[in-house]
Amino acid sequence: MDNEIDLREFLQVLWRGKYFILAVTAAFVLAAIFYIYFMTTPVYQYSALLNLEQYEVNGKEMLTLIEQNAVVVEAVKDLVEDPNELAKSVEINIIPDDEETTLQIKNEYSDPEICIASVEQVGRAIIETASDYRFKQMSLEKERTEKILVYLNEAAEEYLLSRDDQITELLEEDPVYKRILEEKAECLVKLELLNFNLDELAGKPVLDADLWLNGQDETARPVSVSKKLYIAAAVLLGLMLSAFLIFARDHFRGTSPSDRTGKN
């Protein structure tokens, strides 16, 4: 067909410009090598695992609390001038397990010390947030238990007033009164346990954070640059650009394969 473009014509154009193609591609490769070795800033990675099972909060709830309270930004605000940028580089992911209570805190940053410090301070802030969350939950549970206990005391008094004085001595065998006393005993035990746990939890975040930090391997590892990928991309880009320029040059000169095919 007259409109068919001969593949050999294209190959001939490329062959005539082979030195140009090689030169452009080599220039891109050299630019990529220069960028890899002289322009790229070394990046370091540091990560740590944090289990929140003792605080009875799962990973999804914790991520919501972190976002609502801007925990990450607040934790790294003293490390750099722009804490928002540093906070964006921090990743917090849920490690799949039975309860989904383990978080991985990871960061990639150019300064290894800041990289480590950011992860550690975010971890400490998460522990404090989880502890505060648990403290509030237990405080609410204590308030509910105290209200139930007040109600049971009132119910017991009303029940005693409704009984005949002659059968007061038999109240211990009365099923209703007995049930009220059992529930009061359960509430008192629960209240005592809540008070104990609240007192213990008051100073626990600092201790937990210190124990967690002491268990970490404070070594930030450099993130390797994919040199082969950069060079491959440079080769591909150089070939594509040089081929485009060759065909564009031939087109403007009126010597493109399509023009010659059309003339035939």
Protein backbone atom coordinates (compact mmCIF):
# COMPACT_ATOMS: atom_id res chain seq x y z
CA MET A 1 0.00 0.00 0.00
CA ASP A 2 1.13 3.56 -0.74
CA ASN A 3 0.50 4.65 2.84
CA GLU A 4 2.51 1.86 4.40
CA ILE A 5 5.67 2.98 6.12
CA ASP A 6 8.65 0.79 5.41
CA LEU A 7 10.25 -0.41 8.61
CA ARG A 8 13.60 -0.49 6.86
CA GLU A 9 13.34 3.26 6.26
CA PHE A 10 12.95 3.86 9.98
CA LEU A 11 15.85 1.60 10.79
CA GLN A 12 18.00 3.40 8.25
CA VAL A 13 17.17 6.74 9.88
CA LEU A 14 18.12 5.35 13.26
CA TRP A 15 21.31 3.86 11.84
CA ARG A 16 22.37 7.16 10.34
CA GLY A 17 21.90 8.80 13.72
CA LYS A 18 23.53 6.03 15.74
CA TYR A 19 26.37 8.21 16.96
CA PHE A 20 23.94 10.87 18.07
CA ILE A 21 21.86 8.25 19.89
CA LEU A 22 24.96 6.88 21.61
CA ALA A 23 26.11 10.35 22.58
CA VAL A 24 22.75 11.40 24.06
CA THR A 25 22.31 8.09 25.88
CA ALA A 26 25.85 8.27 27.27
CA ALA A 27 25.18 11.82 28.46
CA PHE A 28 22.06 10.68 30.31
CA VAL A 29 23.92 7.76 31.87
CA LEU A 30 26.75 10.04 33.03
CA ALA A 31 24.19 12.46 34.45
CA ALA A 32 22.52 9.61 36.32
CA ILE A 33 25.87 8.41 37.72
CA PHE A 34 26.76 11.96 38.77
CA TYR A 35 23.38 12.33 40.46
CA ILE A 36 23.70 9.00 42.28
CA TYR A 37 27.19 9.62 43.67
CA PHE A 38 27.27 13.38 44.12
CA MET A 39 23.73 14.78 44.34
CA THR A 40 21.70 12.26 46.32
CA THR A 41 21.55 12.72 50.10
CA PRO A 42 22.13 9.52 52.11
CA VAL A 43 18.92 8.32 53.74
CA TYR A 44 18.76 6.21 56.91
CA GLN A 45 15.98 3.94 58.14
CA TYR A 46 15.04 3.01 61.69
CA SER A 47 12.04 1.07 62.98
CA ALA A 48 10.72 -0.34 66.25
CA LEU A 49 7.80 -2.51 67.36
CA LEU A 50 5.42 -1.45 70.12
CA ASN A 51 2.87 -3.80 71.72
CA LEU A 52 -0.17 -2.14 73.32
CA GLU A 53 -1.90 -5.26 74.63
CA GLN A 54 -1.47 -4.25 78.29
CA TYR A 55 -3.41 -1.05 77.62
CA GLU A 56 -6.33 -3.00 76.12
CA VAL A 57 -6.38 -0.95 72.93
CA ASN A 58 -6.03 -2.32 69.41
CA GLY A 59 -4.06 -0.86 66.55
CA LYS A 60 -6.99 0.74 64.73
CA GLU A 61 -8.18 2.55 67.86
CA MET A 62 -4.63 3.70 68.53
CA LEU A 63 -4.17 5.08 65.01
CA THR A 64 -7.39 7.05 65.44
CA LEU A 65 -6.20 8.47 68.76
CA ILE A 66 -2.82 9.37 67.24
CA GLU A 67 -4.45 11.24 64.38
CA GLN A 68 -7.01 13.02 66.55
CA ASN A 69 -4.39 14.26 69.01
CA ALA A 70 -1.63 15.03 66.46
CA VAL A 71 0.65 12.78 68.49
CA VAL A 72 3.41 12.45 65.88
CA VAL A 73 3.82 16.19 65.23
CA GLU A 74 3.80 16.93 68.95
CA ALA A 75 6.37 14.20 69.60
CA VAL A 76 8.95 15.47 67.07
CA LYS A 77 8.40 19.21 67.47
CA ASP A 78 11.70 19.70 69.34
CA LEU A 79 13.87 17.75 66.89
CA VAL A 80 13.75 19.99 63.80
CA GLU A 81 12.62 23.45 62.77
CA ASP A 82 9.79 22.07 60.64
CA PRO A 83 8.19 19.22 62.62
CA ASN A 84 5.42 18.75 60.06
CA GLU A 85 7.87 17.54 57.40
CA LEU A 86 9.54 15.17 59.84
CA ALA A 87 6.16 13.91 61.03
CA LYS A 88 5.17 13.09 57.44
CA SER A 89 8.22 10.83 57.10
CA VAL A 90 7.18 8.76 60.13
CA GLU A 91 5.12 5.67 59.27
CA ILE A 92 2.98 3.81 61.82
CA ASN A 93 1.60 0.47 60.68
CA ILE A 94 -0.35 -2.32 62.35
CA ILE A 95 1.46 -5.65 62.49
CA PRO A 96 -1.06 -8.43 61.75
CA ASP A 97 -1.60 -10.67 64.79
CA ASP A 98 -4.49 -12.18 66.74
CA GLU A 99 -5.44 -8.99 68.57
CA GLU A 100 -3.80 -6.44 66.21
CA THR A 101 -2.21 -4.68 69.18
CA THR A 102 1.34 -4.38 67.79
CA LEU A 103 2.47 -1.27 65.93
CA GLN A 104 5.56 -0.74 63.81
CA ILE A 105 7.00 2.77 63.95
CA LYS A 106 9.35 3.48 61.06
CA ASN A 107 11.13 6.50 59.65
CA GLU A 108 13.49 7.29 56.78
CA TYR A 109 15.53 10.46 57.24
CA SER A 110 18.82 11.96 56.15
CA ASP A 111 20.12 12.42 59.71
CA PRO A 112 20.52 9.04 61.48
CA GLU A 113 20.31 10.56 64.97
CA ILE A 114 17.08 12.42 64.19
CA CYS A 115 15.78 9.29 62.47
CA ILE A 116 16.27 7.25 65.67
CA ALA A 117 15.09 10.03 67.99
CA SER A 118 11.89 10.59 66.01
CA VAL A 119 10.90 6.91 66.23
CA GLU A 120 11.72 6.74 69.94
CA GLN A 121 9.86 9.93 70.81
CA VAL A 122 6.84 8.89 68.77
CA GLY A 123 6.87 5.53 70.56
CA ARG A 124 7.05 7.24 73.94
CA ALA A 125 4.18 9.55 72.95
CA ILE A 126 2.08 6.58 71.82
CA ILE A 127 2.67 4.84 75.15
CA GLU A 128 1.59 7.97 77.00
CA THR A 129 -1.47 8.34 74.76
CA ALA A 130 -2.45 4.70 75.24
CA SER A 131 -1.96 5.00 78.99
CA ASP A 132 -4.04 8.17 79.14
CA TYR A 133 -6.75 6.49 77.08
CA ARG A 134 -6.78 3.49 79.40
CA PHE A 135 -6.80 5.76 82.48
CA LYS A 136 -9.87 7.61 81.17
CA GLN A 137 -11.64 4.34 80.35
CA MET A 138 -10.98 3.00 83.84
CA SER A 139 -12.07 6.29 85.42
CA LEU A 140 -15.37 6.09 83.56
CA GLU A 141 -15.76 2.48 84.67
CA LYS A 142 -15.10 3.55 88.26
CA GLU A 143 -17.78 6.25 88.03
CA ARG A 144 -20.29 3.74 86.67
CA THR A 145 -19.44 1.24 89.42
CA GLU A 146 -19.82 3.91 92.12
CA LYS A 147 -23.25 4.88 90.73
CA ILE A 148 -24.33 1.23 90.68
CA LEU A 149 -23.14 0.84 94.29
CA VAL A 150 -25.16 3.88 95.39
CA TYR A 151 -28.21 2.47 93.64
CA LEU A 152 -27.75 -0.92 95.33
CA ASN A 153 -27.43 0.70 98.75
CA GLU A 154 -30.64 2.61 98.18
CA ALA A 155 -32.35 -0.52 96.90
CA ALA A 156 -31.24 -2.46 99.96
CA GLU A 157 -32.57 0.23 102.33
CA GLU A 158 -35.90 0.41 100.52
CA TYR A 159 -36.21 -3.36 100.59
CA LEU A 160 -35.53 -3.46 104.33
CA LEU A 161 -38.19 -0.82 104.96
CA SER A 162 -40.71 -2.83 102.97
CA ARG A 163 -40.19 -5.99 105.02
CA ASP A 164 -42.14 -6.92 108.16
CA ASP A 165 -40.09 -6.44 111.35
CA GLN A 166 -40.91 -9.98 112.39
CA ILE A 167 -39.12 -11.55 109.44
CA THR A 168 -36.08 -9.27 109.48
CA GLU A 169 -34.00 -12.03 110.98
CA LEU A 170 -34.76 -14.20 107.94
CA LEU A 171 -33.52 -11.63 105.39
CA GLU A 172 -30.28 -13.51 104.82
CA GLU A 173 -32.36 -16.26 103.23
CA ASP A 174 -34.49 -13.82 101.25
CA PRO A 175 -33.48 -14.32 97.56
CA VAL A 176 -34.02 -10.67 96.58
CA TYR A 177 -32.05 -9.25 99.48
CA LYS A 178 -29.38 -11.90 99.05
CA ARG A 179 -28.98 -10.95 95.38
CA ILE A 180 -28.61 -7.26 96.28
CA LEU A 181 -25.88 -8.10 98.79
CA GLU A 182 -24.03 -10.25 96.23
CA GLU A 183 -24.10 -7.47 93.66
CA LYS A 184 -22.88 -4.98 96.27
CA ALA A 185 -19.99 -7.30 97.12
CA GLU A 186 -19.09 -7.62 93.43
CA CYS A 187 -19.15 -3.84 92.99
CA LEU A 188 -16.98 -3.30 96.06
CA VAL A 189 -14.39 -5.80 94.81
CA LYS A 190 -14.46 -4.25 91.35
CA LEU A 191 -14.14 -0.75 92.79
CA GLU A 192 -11.19 -1.79 94.93
CA LEU A 193 -9.48 -3.32 91.90
CA LEU A 194 -10.15 -0.23 89.78
CA ASN A 195 -8.67 2.04 92.44
CA PHE A 196 -5.59 -0.15 92.64
CA ASN A 197 -5.15 -0.19 88.85
CA LEU A 198 -5.67 3.57 88.58
CA ASP A 199 -3.01 4.22 91.21
CA GLU A 200 -0.64 1.85 89.44
CA LEU A 201 -1.36 3.35 86.03
CA ALA A 202 -0.68 6.90 87.22
CA GLY A 203 3.11 6.44 87.12
CA LYS A 204 3.31 3.61 84.63
CA PRO A 205 3.77 5.45 81.30
CA VAL A 206 7.23 6.77 82.18
CA LEU A 207 8.39 3.35 83.37
CA ASP A 208 6.90 1.57 80.36
CA ALA A 209 8.47 4.07 77.98
CA ASP A 210 11.89 3.68 79.61
CA LEU A 211 11.66 -0.11 79.47
CA TRP A 212 10.59 0.04 75.83
CA LEU A 213 13.43 2.39 74.91
CA ASN A 214 16.01 0.26 76.71
CA GLY A 215 14.92 -2.72 74.65
CA GLN A 216 15.57 -1.06 71.31
CA ASP A 217 18.57 -1.51 69.03
CA GLU A 218 19.56 2.09 68.36
CA THR A 219 21.10 1.54 64.93
CA ALA A 220 19.85 3.43 61.89
CA ARG A 221 20.67 1.57 58.70
CA PRO A 222 21.37 3.37 55.42
CA VAL A 223 18.76 2.94 52.71
CA SER A 224 20.46 1.60 49.59
CA VAL A 225 19.92 3.55 46.37
CA SER A 226 18.77 1.46 43.39
CA LYS A 227 21.68 2.39 41.12
CA LYS A 228 20.68 -0.09 38.40
CA LEU A 229 17.19 1.37 38.27
CA TYR A 230 18.51 4.92 37.88
CA ILE A 231 20.92 3.88 35.10
CA ALA A 232 18.28 1.80 33.31
CA ALA A 233 15.90 4.75 33.41
CA ALA A 234 18.65 7.03 32.08
CA VAL A 235 19.39 4.62 29.20
CA LEU A 236 15.72 4.32 28.29
CA LEU A 237 15.15 8.07 28.45
CA GLY A 238 18.29 8.75 26.41
CA LEU A 239 17.26 6.30 23.69
CA MET A 240 13.72 7.65 23.50
CA LEU A 241 14.76 11.30 23.40
CA SER A 242 17.57 10.81 20.87
CA ALA A 243 15.32 8.75 18.56
CA PHE A 244 12.61 11.42 18.80
CA LEU A 245 15.10 14.17 17.93
CA ILE A 246 16.43 12.21 14.95
CA PHE A 247 12.97 11.63 13.50
CA ALA A 248 12.02 15.25 14.20
CA ARG A 249 15.14 16.44 12.39
CA ASP A 250 14.44 14.25 9.37
CA HIS A 251 10.83 15.34 9.33
CA PHE A 252 11.70 19.03 9.22
CA ARG A 253 14.27 18.33 6.51
CA GLY A 254 11.61 16.56 4.49
CA THR A 255 13.47 13.26 4.52
CA SER A 256 11.30 11.27 6.90
CA PRO A 257 10.32 7.74 5.87
CA SER A 258 6.64 8.70 5.66
CA ASP A 259 7.46 11.55 3.25
CA ARG A 260 9.49 9.32 1.01
CA THR A 261 6.78 6.65 1.05
CA GLY A 262 4.18 9.26 0.16
CA LYS A 263 6.25 10.47 -2.76
CA ASN A 264 6.48 6.97 -4.12
